[in-house]
């Protein structure tokens, strides 16, 4: 495997960020570079494995790419005779933080990847902990990538609403999807990001306690985040996330190290 060329291909395909590519290239041996690429891949979303195989093909390693594809899909289809029993440990989800941005005060934007189901979420949340390491509270909203993209499209209108809040006779509201709404106050220059729910199936949505408020300064910082967050979550550059197959959960990237390093054993 030629890790330098593969890293360049993965970067051009927006799988690796510039920082990740530079970390790979900074490794001293070919094996170390290969290992670093394999460490990154499981955290880079649904397209990572398929883009990796494509990068191998483009760098003259089609046989290796085909071997990996065959191994992944045969393992994904292989039935098991030993169904796992439900236990607290089986149900526990593991999250990897992809990025974090400070909007001001106690409010942060955080991107996270659920390792169990390979789903990326973006949180706008209030953090606690005055004299110790900040920790996320329940006050905030959790967005899917699609909902984040919808939010980006509303930001200019929200900014205008805050500027002219005193001229309005009623609240303005934006729906991001599912049960998440943003409301511009008619009394204060504030935006309320909040989850809603229906206590009565036949009634209206009502606000929950899960929400956070942004003023104009924090909204401007949120707009600034939209210009750099794709460096950390490149999946946002693809509007239709369903066009890419889900990475099989049975694949063990660490088990690929021996296969990928076969051609490097003399280096």
Protein backbone atom coordinates (compact mmCIF):
# COMPACT_ATOMS: atom_id res chain seq x y z
CA UNK A 1 0.00 0.00 0.00
CA UNK A 2 1.18 3.56 -0.78
CA UNK A 3 -0.17 5.49 2.24
CA UNK A 4 1.02 8.89 0.98
CA UNK A 5 -0.98 8.61 -2.26
CA UNK A 6 -3.99 7.10 -0.49
CA UNK A 7 -3.97 9.92 2.08
CA UNK A 8 -3.96 12.50 -0.75
CA UNK A 9 -6.90 10.75 -2.44
CA UNK A 10 -8.87 10.55 0.81
CA UNK A 11 -8.22 14.24 1.43
CA UNK A 12 -9.36 15.21 -2.07
CA UNK A 13 -12.52 13.14 -1.48
CA UNK A 14 -13.14 15.05 1.79
CA UNK A 15 -12.74 11.93 3.93
CA UNK A 16 -9.62 13.20 5.69
CA UNK A 17 -9.26 16.79 6.81
CA UNK A 18 -6.09 18.73 6.03
CA UNK A 19 -4.91 18.26 9.60
CA UNK A 20 -5.51 14.50 9.42
CA UNK A 21 -3.62 14.22 6.13
CA UNK A 22 -0.66 16.11 7.58
CA UNK A 23 -0.62 13.83 10.63
CA UNK A 24 -0.54 10.79 8.34
CA UNK A 25 2.30 12.19 6.24
CA UNK A 26 4.27 13.11 9.38
CA UNK A 27 4.55 9.47 10.44
CA UNK A 28 8.11 8.13 10.05
CA UNK A 29 7.42 4.73 8.48
CA UNK A 30 5.06 3.45 5.82
CA UNK A 31 3.49 1.05 8.30
CA UNK A 32 2.87 3.90 10.77
CA UNK A 33 1.22 5.96 8.03
CA UNK A 34 -1.00 3.03 7.07
CA UNK A 35 -1.97 2.44 10.68
CA UNK A 36 -2.86 6.12 11.15
CA UNK A 37 -5.15 6.03 8.08
CA UNK A 38 -6.89 2.96 9.50
CA UNK A 39 -7.35 4.73 12.83
CA UNK A 40 -9.15 7.60 11.11
CA UNK A 41 -11.42 5.64 8.74
CA UNK A 42 -14.01 4.32 11.25
CA UNK A 43 -14.74 7.87 12.40
CA UNK A 44 -15.18 9.43 8.96
CA UNK A 45 -18.74 8.44 8.16
CA UNK A 46 -20.63 6.23 5.76
CA UNK A 47 -18.44 6.89 2.72
CA UNK A 48 -15.07 6.22 4.35
CA UNK A 49 -14.55 2.54 3.49
CA UNK A 50 -15.81 2.87 -0.08
CA UNK A 51 -13.71 5.96 -0.70
CA UNK A 52 -10.72 4.11 0.76
CA UNK A 53 -11.20 1.22 -1.69
CA UNK A 54 -11.57 3.69 -4.54
CA UNK A 55 -8.33 5.40 -3.46
CA UNK A 56 -6.56 2.02 -3.53
CA UNK A 57 -7.81 1.44 -7.09
CA UNK A 58 -6.67 4.87 -8.23
CA UNK A 59 -3.19 4.22 -6.83
CA UNK A 60 -2.79 0.93 -8.69
CA UNK A 61 -3.91 -1.44 -5.93
CA UNK A 62 -7.16 -2.77 -7.40
CA UNK A 63 -6.48 -6.33 -6.27
CA UNK A 64 -6.16 -5.22 -2.67
CA UNK A 65 -9.35 -3.11 -2.95
CA UNK A 66 -11.30 -6.09 -4.33
CA UNK A 67 -9.99 -8.32 -1.57
CA UNK A 68 -11.15 -5.85 1.07
CA UNK A 69 -14.60 -5.46 -0.52
CA UNK A 70 -15.12 -9.20 -0.74
CA UNK A 71 -14.07 -9.68 2.86
CA UNK A 72 -16.31 -6.91 4.16
CA UNK A 73 -19.48 -7.96 2.36
CA UNK A 74 -19.04 -11.69 2.98
CA UNK A 75 -18.66 -10.94 6.68
CA UNK A 76 -21.66 -8.61 6.62
CA UNK A 77 -23.90 -11.35 5.18
CA UNK A 78 -22.57 -14.18 7.32
CA UNK A 79 -25.33 -15.44 9.67
CA UNK A 80 -24.59 -16.18 13.28
CA UNK A 81 -25.63 -19.27 15.24
CA UNK A 82 -25.01 -17.58 18.56
CA UNK A 83 -27.41 -14.64 18.96
CA UNK A 84 -26.25 -12.22 21.60
CA UNK A 85 -28.37 -11.74 24.66
CA UNK A 86 -29.42 -8.30 25.71
CA UNK A 87 -27.36 -6.76 28.47
CA UNK A 88 -26.64 -3.26 29.73
CA UNK A 89 -23.18 -3.35 28.15
CA UNK A 90 -24.60 -4.31 24.74
CA UNK A 91 -26.96 -1.33 24.83
CA UNK A 92 -24.38 1.21 25.91
CA UNK A 93 -23.42 3.61 23.12
CA UNK A 94 -19.94 4.96 22.56
CA UNK A 95 -19.42 8.48 21.17
CA UNK A 96 -16.36 10.13 19.64
CA UNK A 97 -16.14 13.91 19.65
CA UNK A 98 -15.32 15.21 16.18
CA UNK A 99 -15.15 18.92 16.93
CA UNK A 100 -16.18 21.60 19.41
CA UNK A 101 -16.66 25.36 18.99
CA UNK A 102 -17.34 27.97 21.67
CA UNK A 103 -20.17 30.36 20.82
CA UNK A 104 -19.71 32.44 23.96
CA UNK A 105 -20.66 32.12 27.59
CA UNK A 106 -21.68 28.54 28.38
CA UNK A 107 -22.83 27.66 24.86
CA UNK A 108 -20.90 25.26 22.59
CA UNK A 109 -21.40 23.55 19.24
CA UNK A 110 -20.15 19.97 19.31
CA UNK A 111 -20.04 17.31 16.60
CA UNK A 112 -20.09 13.67 17.71
CA UNK A 113 -20.05 10.25 16.09
CA UNK A 114 -21.97 7.33 17.62
CA UNK A 115 -19.60 4.39 17.09
CA UNK A 116 -22.41 1.84 17.48
CA UNK A 117 -24.56 2.93 14.54
CA UNK A 118 -22.15 5.22 12.64
CA UNK A 119 -24.40 8.29 13.02
CA UNK A 120 -23.08 11.85 13.28
CA UNK A 121 -24.97 14.47 15.29
CA UNK A 122 -24.34 18.15 15.96
CA UNK A 123 -25.26 19.60 19.34
CA UNK A 124 -25.89 23.22 20.31
CA UNK A 125 -25.73 22.96 24.05
CA UNK A 126 -25.17 24.73 27.34
CA UNK A 127 -22.22 23.46 29.35
CA UNK A 128 -21.77 23.48 33.10
CA UNK A 129 -18.79 23.40 35.43
CA UNK A 130 -17.55 26.79 36.62
CA UNK A 131 -14.38 25.69 38.38
CA UNK A 132 -13.75 22.42 36.59
CA UNK A 133 -13.76 20.92 33.12
CA UNK A 134 -16.95 21.94 31.26
CA UNK A 135 -19.52 19.18 30.80
CA UNK A 136 -22.64 19.10 28.60
CA UNK A 137 -26.00 19.64 30.27
CA UNK A 138 -29.44 18.64 29.00
CA UNK A 139 -30.14 22.23 27.97
CA UNK A 140 -29.74 22.32 24.21
CA UNK A 141 -30.74 20.72 20.93
CA UNK A 142 -29.38 17.75 18.99
CA UNK A 143 -29.42 18.00 15.20
CA UNK A 144 -28.97 15.48 12.44
CA UNK A 145 -26.75 16.50 9.52
CA UNK A 146 -29.86 17.23 7.46
CA UNK A 147 -31.27 19.46 10.21
CA UNK A 148 -27.95 21.31 10.49
CA UNK A 149 -28.06 22.05 6.76
CA UNK A 150 -31.61 23.36 7.14
CA UNK A 151 -30.39 25.57 9.99
CA UNK A 152 -27.62 27.00 7.79
CA UNK A 153 -30.23 28.07 5.27
CA UNK A 154 -32.18 29.97 7.94
CA UNK A 155 -29.29 31.86 9.56
CA UNK A 156 -29.52 35.06 7.51
CA UNK A 157 -33.25 35.32 8.17
CA UNK A 158 -32.66 34.77 11.87
CA UNK A 159 -30.05 37.50 11.94
CA UNK A 160 -32.47 39.92 10.27
CA UNK A 161 -35.17 38.95 12.76
CA UNK A 162 -32.90 39.83 15.70
CA UNK A 163 -32.00 43.19 14.21
CA UNK A 164 -35.67 44.15 13.72
CA UNK A 165 -37.11 42.42 16.78
CA UNK A 166 -38.63 45.63 18.15
CA UNK A 167 -40.60 46.18 14.93
CA UNK A 168 -42.48 42.87 15.13
CA UNK A 169 -45.94 42.32 16.58
CA UNK A 170 -45.52 38.54 16.85
CA UNK A 171 -42.87 35.88 17.18
CA UNK A 172 -41.10 34.40 14.17
CA UNK A 173 -40.54 30.65 14.08
CA UNK A 174 -38.45 28.24 11.97
CA UNK A 175 -38.82 24.46 11.82
CA UNK A 176 -35.59 22.49 11.43
CA UNK A 177 -37.23 19.09 11.18
CA UNK A 178 -38.68 16.43 13.50
CA UNK A 179 -39.65 18.33 16.67
CA UNK A 180 -37.02 21.11 16.71
CA UNK A 181 -38.12 24.73 16.37
CA UNK A 182 -36.35 28.08 16.63
CA UNK A 183 -38.33 31.07 17.85
CA UNK A 184 -37.37 34.75 17.60
CA UNK A 185 -38.75 36.69 20.55
CA UNK A 186 -40.85 39.79 19.86
CA UNK A 187 -39.67 41.36 23.12
CA UNK A 188 -35.94 40.59 23.24
CA UNK A 189 -33.17 40.10 20.62
CA UNK A 190 -32.95 36.38 21.40
CA UNK A 191 -33.38 33.13 19.47
CA UNK A 192 -34.77 30.14 21.33
CA UNK A 193 -33.58 26.74 19.99
CA UNK A 194 -35.84 24.06 21.47
CA UNK A 195 -37.21 20.56 21.24
CA UNK A 196 -41.04 20.35 21.25
CA UNK A 197 -43.40 17.46 21.98
CA UNK A 198 -47.08 16.56 21.85
CA UNK A 199 -48.54 15.68 25.26
CA UNK A 200 -51.83 15.05 23.46
CA UNK A 201 -51.63 13.19 20.11
CA UNK A 202 -54.50 15.33 18.86
CA UNK A 203 -53.15 18.58 20.29
CA UNK A 204 -50.42 21.05 19.43
CA UNK A 205 -46.70 20.84 20.00
CA UNK A 206 -45.52 22.42 23.24
CA UNK A 207 -41.96 23.40 24.26
CA UNK A 208 -39.84 21.15 26.45
CA UNK A 209 -37.10 22.16 28.87
CA UNK A 210 -34.48 20.98 26.37
CA UNK A 211 -33.38 24.16 24.67
CA UNK A 212 -30.94 27.05 24.61
CA UNK A 213 -31.07 30.79 23.79
CA UNK A 214 -28.67 32.69 21.52
CA UNK A 215 -28.16 36.44 21.31
CA UNK A 216 -26.78 38.27 18.26
CA UNK A 217 -23.14 37.73 19.23
CA UNK A 218 -23.62 33.99 19.68
CA UNK A 219 -25.59 33.80 16.43
CA UNK A 220 -22.71 35.47 14.60
CA UNK A 221 -20.31 32.94 16.11
CA UNK A 222 -22.67 30.18 14.98
CA UNK A 223 -22.53 31.58 11.43
CA UNK A 224 -18.73 31.56 11.64
CA UNK A 225 -18.82 27.88 12.65
CA UNK A 226 -20.66 26.98 9.44
CA UNK A 227 -17.63 28.07 7.40
CA UNK A 228 -15.22 25.67 9.15
CA UNK A 229 -17.27 22.75 10.45
CA UNK A 230 -16.92 20.86 7.15
CA UNK A 231 -13.19 20.52 7.85
CA UNK A 232 -14.20 18.26 10.74
CA UNK A 233 -17.45 16.78 9.37
CA UNK A 234 -16.93 16.50 5.58
CA UNK A 235 -20.19 14.52 5.26
CA UNK A 236 -21.97 17.90 5.37
CA UNK A 237 -20.73 18.58 1.85
CA UNK A 238 -23.08 15.94 0.48
CA UNK A 239 -26.73 16.98 0.51
CA UNK A 240 -28.14 13.50 0.02
CA UNK A 241 -26.57 11.24 2.63
CA UNK A 242 -28.74 8.28 1.58
CA UNK A 243 -26.87 7.92 -1.71
CA UNK A 244 -23.97 6.28 0.11
CA UNK A 245 -24.29 2.77 1.55
CA UNK A 246 -23.85 2.37 5.29
CA UNK A 247 -20.48 1.03 6.38
CA UNK A 248 -21.00 -2.57 7.54
CA UNK A 249 -20.74 -2.70 11.31
CA UNK A 250 -18.97 -6.07 11.19
CA UNK A 251 -15.80 -4.69 9.64
CA UNK A 252 -12.78 -4.63 11.94
CA UNK A 253 -10.36 -2.03 10.59
CA UNK A 254 -7.59 -3.16 12.90
CA UNK A 255 -7.70 -6.62 11.33
CA UNK A 256 -6.77 -5.01 7.99
CA UNK A 257 -3.35 -3.91 9.22
CA UNK A 258 -1.66 -7.21 8.46
CA UNK A 259 -3.14 -7.38 4.98
CA UNK A 260 -2.27 -3.79 4.10
CA UNK A 261 1.29 -4.10 5.42
CA UNK A 262 2.17 -7.29 3.49
CA UNK A 263 3.83 -5.33 0.70
CA UNK A 264 5.67 -3.18 3.24
CA UNK A 265 7.44 -5.91 5.16
CA UNK A 266 10.77 -5.19 3.53
CA UNK A 267 10.67 -1.44 4.28
